[in-house]
Amino acid sequence: MKTVSPIRTLPRQEIHPELARHLDAMVQREAQVAAYRGRLYLLVCAGSVPTAGYDLHLQGARIQERRLTVALVPPDPDLMVAQVISYPTLAIDLGEGPVYLREVVLASDKQNTTLPIKVLGPIG
């Protein structure tokens, strides 16, 4: 029996350059599922935000409900941040699959938004 590997977010230094190129090109508020070297990855972009310092965190994974929730975390209000439009992104290793996602929810302090999921297929 095959064990299910845990879903985990990838630190930037662990993201393969092929996946990083796709992640860096994302500017729309969306989620993309990609296959790379026998594993599935979820690439998430929060769309544009008005300053640097925003981050995305995996907040919850409800596999039975086929739902992942990603939190958009604003910068600390006491920090000085660059006034530049940025696009927070996150890469999540979903394991070897199959994984059937029904929805990816982007949670912020203003509202929760269901992101469209685009299936990219194999990369590289």
C-alpha atoms as a PDB file:
ATOM      1  CA  MET A   1       0.000   0.000   0.000  1.00  0.00           C
ATOM      2  CA  LYS A   2       1.341   3.405  -1.001  1.00  0.00           C
ATOM      3  CA  THR A   3       1.604   5.968   1.777  1.00  0.00           C
ATOM      4  CA  VAL A   4       0.353   9.477   1.156  1.00  0.00           C
ATOM      5  CA  SER A   5       3.092  12.054   1.427  1.00  0.00           C
ATOM      6  CA  PRO A   6       2.179  15.142   3.425  1.00  0.00           C
ATOM      7  CA  ILE A   7       1.267  18.339   1.654  1.00  0.00           C
ATOM      8  CA  ARG A   8       3.886  20.991   2.348  1.00  0.00           C
ATOM      9  CA  THR A   9       4.851  24.451   1.221  1.00  0.00           C
ATOM     10  CA  LEU A  10       8.185  24.815  -0.486  1.00  0.00           C
ATOM     11  CA  PRO A  11      10.749  27.384   0.616  1.00  0.00           C
ATOM     12  CA  ARG A  12      11.931  29.451  -2.352  1.00  0.00           C
ATOM     13  CA  GLN A  13      15.352  27.749  -2.414  1.00  0.00           C
ATOM     14  CA  GLU A  14      13.699  24.308  -2.870  1.00  0.00           C
ATOM     15  CA  ILE A  15      11.628  25.279  -5.912  1.00  0.00           C
ATOM     16  CA  HIS A  16      13.114  23.839  -9.093  1.00  0.00           C
ATOM     17  CA  PRO A  17      13.940  26.518 -11.710  1.00  0.00           C
ATOM     18  CA  GLU A  18      11.310  25.118 -14.123  1.00  0.00           C
ATOM     19  CA  LEU A  19       8.570  25.594 -11.527  1.00  0.00           C
ATOM     20  CA  ALA A  20      10.030  28.921 -10.346  1.00  0.00           C
ATOM     21  CA  ARG A  21       9.707  30.323 -13.891  1.00  0.00           C
ATOM     22  CA  HIS A  22       5.985  29.531 -13.902  1.00  0.00           C
ATOM     23  CA  LEU A  23       5.563  30.916 -10.389  1.00  0.00           C
ATOM     24  CA  ASP A  24       7.397  34.148 -11.241  1.00  0.00           C
ATOM     25  CA  ALA A  25       5.260  34.669 -14.353  1.00  0.00           C
ATOM     26  CA  MET A  26       1.983  34.493 -12.397  1.00  0.00           C
ATOM     27  CA  VAL A  27       0.239  37.851 -11.942  1.00  0.00           C
ATOM     28  CA  GLN A  28      -3.435  36.875 -11.870  1.00  0.00           C
ATOM     29  CA  ARG A  29      -5.246  35.773  -8.723  1.00  0.00           C
ATOM     30  CA  GLU A  30      -5.299  32.034  -9.459  1.00  0.00           C
ATOM     31  CA  ALA A  31      -4.045  28.542  -8.644  1.00  0.00           C
ATOM     32  CA  GLN A  32      -2.234  26.287 -11.104  1.00  0.00           C
ATOM     33  CA  VAL A  33      -1.634  22.553 -10.755  1.00  0.00           C
ATOM     34  CA  ALA A  34       1.506  21.299 -12.469  1.00  0.00           C
ATOM     35  CA  ALA A  35       3.217  17.918 -12.715  1.00  0.00           C
ATOM     36  CA  TYR A  36       7.002  17.857 -12.496  1.00  0.00           C
ATOM     37  CA  ARG A  37       9.250  14.814 -12.151  1.00  0.00           C
ATOM     38  CA  GLY A  38       6.481  12.536 -10.912  1.00  0.00           C
ATOM     39  CA  ARG A  39       5.068  14.951  -8.321  1.00  0.00           C
ATOM     40  CA  LEU A  40       2.174  17.392  -8.325  1.00  0.00           C
ATOM     41  CA  TYR A  41       2.582  21.029  -7.322  1.00  0.00           C
ATOM     42  CA  LEU A  42       0.059  23.739  -6.619  1.00  0.00           C
ATOM     43  CA  LEU A  43       1.260  27.208  -7.603  1.00  0.00           C
ATOM     44  CA  VAL A  44      -0.787  30.032  -6.073  1.00  0.00           C
ATOM     45  CA  CYS A  45      -0.753  33.753  -6.840  1.00  0.00           C
ATOM     46  CA  ALA A  46      -2.686  36.327  -4.801  1.00  0.00           C
ATOM     47  CA  GLY A  47      -2.730  38.839  -7.655  1.00  0.00           C
ATOM     48  CA  SER A  48      -1.417  42.362  -7.223  1.00  0.00           C
ATOM     49  CA  VAL A  49      -0.957  43.994  -3.827  1.00  0.00           C
ATOM     50  CA  PRO A  50       0.060  47.645  -3.264  1.00  0.00           C
ATOM     51  CA  THR A  51       3.312  47.135  -1.346  1.00  0.00           C
ATOM     52  CA  ALA A  52       6.116  44.682  -0.707  1.00  0.00           C
ATOM     53  CA  GLY A  53       5.964  42.558   2.419  1.00  0.00           C
ATOM     54  CA  TYR A  54       2.830  40.505   1.731  1.00  0.00           C
ATOM     55  CA  ASP A  55       3.158  36.742   2.080  1.00  0.00           C
ATOM     56  CA  LEU A  56       1.091  33.617   1.424  1.00  0.00           C
ATOM     57  CA  HIS A  57       0.797  30.739   3.916  1.00  0.00           C
ATOM     58  CA  LEU A  58      -0.963  27.402   3.687  1.00  0.00           C
ATOM     59  CA  GLN A  59      -3.687  27.811   6.288  1.00  0.00           C
ATOM     60  CA  GLY A  60      -5.592  24.575   5.920  1.00  0.00           C
ATOM     61  CA  ALA A  61      -5.758  21.414   3.849  1.00  0.00           C
ATOM     62  CA  ARG A  62      -9.017  19.482   3.952  1.00  0.00           C
ATOM     63  CA  ILE A  63      -8.291  16.602   1.639  1.00  0.00           C
ATOM     64  CA  GLN A  64     -11.647  14.840   2.194  1.00  0.00           C
ATOM     65  CA  GLU A  65     -13.404  18.064   1.177  1.00  0.00           C
ATOM     66  CA  ARG A  66     -10.869  18.567  -1.650  1.00  0.00           C
ATOM     67  CA  ARG A  67     -10.177  22.081  -0.399  1.00  0.00           C
ATOM     68  CA  LEU A  68      -7.021  24.052   0.398  1.00  0.00           C
ATOM     69  CA  THR A  69      -7.022  27.429   2.103  1.00  0.00           C
ATOM     70  CA  VAL A  70      -4.157  29.859   1.589  1.00  0.00           C
ATOM     71  CA  ALA A  71      -3.899  32.975   3.762  1.00  0.00           C
ATOM     72  CA  LEU A  72      -2.726  36.321   2.392  1.00  0.00           C
ATOM     73  CA  VAL A  73      -0.745  37.889   5.228  1.00  0.00           C
ATOM     74  CA  PRO A  74      -0.131  41.656   5.055  1.00  0.00           C
ATOM     75  CA  PRO A  75       3.135  43.189   6.228  1.00  0.00           C
ATOM     76  CA  ASP A  76       3.447  44.241   9.861  1.00  0.00           C
ATOM     77  CA  PRO A  77       1.972  47.780  10.077  1.00  0.00           C
ATOM     78  CA  ASP A  78       5.046  48.937  12.035  1.00  0.00           C
ATOM     79  CA  LEU A  79       7.443  47.925   9.244  1.00  0.00           C
ATOM     80  CA  MET A  80       8.560  50.237   6.494  1.00  0.00           C
ATOM     81  CA  VAL A  81       7.857  48.550   3.138  1.00  0.00           C
ATOM     82  CA  ALA A  82       8.509  49.535  -0.459  1.00  0.00           C
ATOM     83  CA  GLN A  83       5.573  51.164  -2.240  1.00  0.00           C
ATOM     84  CA  VAL A  84       5.678  48.864  -5.225  1.00  0.00           C
ATOM     85  CA  ILE A  85       3.069  46.579  -6.719  1.00  0.00           C
ATOM     86  CA  SER A  86       3.983  42.993  -5.936  1.00  0.00           C
ATOM     87  CA  TYR A  87       2.496  39.576  -6.592  1.00  0.00           C
ATOM     88  CA  PRO A  88       2.716  37.197  -3.607  1.00  0.00           C
ATOM     89  CA  THR A  89       3.098  33.576  -4.657  1.00  0.00           C
ATOM     90  CA  LEU A  90       3.353  30.189  -2.982  1.00  0.00           C
ATOM     91  CA  ALA A  91       4.400  26.719  -4.177  1.00  0.00           C
ATOM     92  CA  ILE A  92       2.860  23.692  -2.478  1.00  0.00           C
ATOM     93  CA  ASP A  93       4.140  20.142  -2.980  1.00  0.00           C
ATOM     94  CA  LEU A  94       1.053  17.920  -3.247  1.00  0.00           C
ATOM     95  CA  GLY A  95       3.041  14.671  -3.458  1.00  0.00           C
ATOM     96  CA  GLU A  96       2.812  11.950  -6.066  1.00  0.00           C
ATOM     97  CA  GLY A  97      -0.956  12.223  -6.399  1.00  0.00           C
ATOM     98  CA  PRO A  98      -3.529  11.794  -7.474  1.00  0.00           C
ATOM     99  CA  VAL A  99      -4.962  14.835  -5.732  1.00  0.00           C
ATOM    100  CA  TYR A 100      -8.440  16.009  -6.622  1.00  0.00           C
ATOM    101  CA  LEU A 101      -8.904  19.637  -5.665  1.00  0.00           C
ATOM    102  CA  ARG A 102     -12.362  21.131  -5.835  1.00  0.00           C
ATOM    103  CA  GLU A 103     -11.333  24.576  -4.671  1.00  0.00           C
ATOM    104  CA  VAL A 104      -8.493  26.731  -3.450  1.00  0.00           C
ATOM    105  CA  VAL A 105      -9.579  29.542  -1.151  1.00  0.00           C
ATOM    106  CA  LEU A 106      -7.558  32.725  -0.708  1.00  0.00           C
ATOM    107  CA  ALA A 107      -8.283  34.088   2.777  1.00  0.00           C
ATOM    108  CA  SER A 108      -7.496  37.691   3.614  1.00  0.00           C
ATOM    109  CA  ASP A 109      -8.595  40.119   6.295  1.00  0.00           C
ATOM    110  CA  LYS A 110     -11.124  41.603   3.821  1.00  0.00           C
ATOM    111  CA  GLN A 111     -12.745  38.467   2.385  1.00  0.00           C
ATOM    112  CA  ASN A 112     -12.338  34.881   1.265  1.00  0.00           C
ATOM    113  CA  THR A 113     -12.107  34.299  -2.475  1.00  0.00           C
ATOM    114  CA  THR A 114     -12.314  31.000  -4.337  1.00  0.00           C
ATOM    115  CA  LEU A 115      -9.487  30.939  -6.881  1.00  0.00           C
ATOM    116  CA  PRO A 116      -9.867  29.446 -10.334  1.00  0.00           C
ATOM    117  CA  ILE A 117      -7.711  26.311 -10.712  1.00  0.00           C
ATOM    118  CA  LYS A 118      -5.845  25.893 -13.988  1.00  0.00           C
ATOM    119  CA  VAL A 119      -4.304  22.494 -14.768  1.00  0.00           C
ATOM    120  CA  LEU A 120      -0.975  22.938 -16.549  1.00  0.00           C
ATOM    121  CA  GLY A 121      -0.009  19.292 -16.879  1.00  0.00           C
ATOM    122  CA  PRO A 122       3.640  18.184 -17.094  1.00  0.00           C
ATOM    123  CA  ILE A 123       6.357  20.839 -16.978  1.00  0.00           C
ATOM    124  CA  GLY A 124       9.833  20.327 -18.375  1.00  0.00           C
END
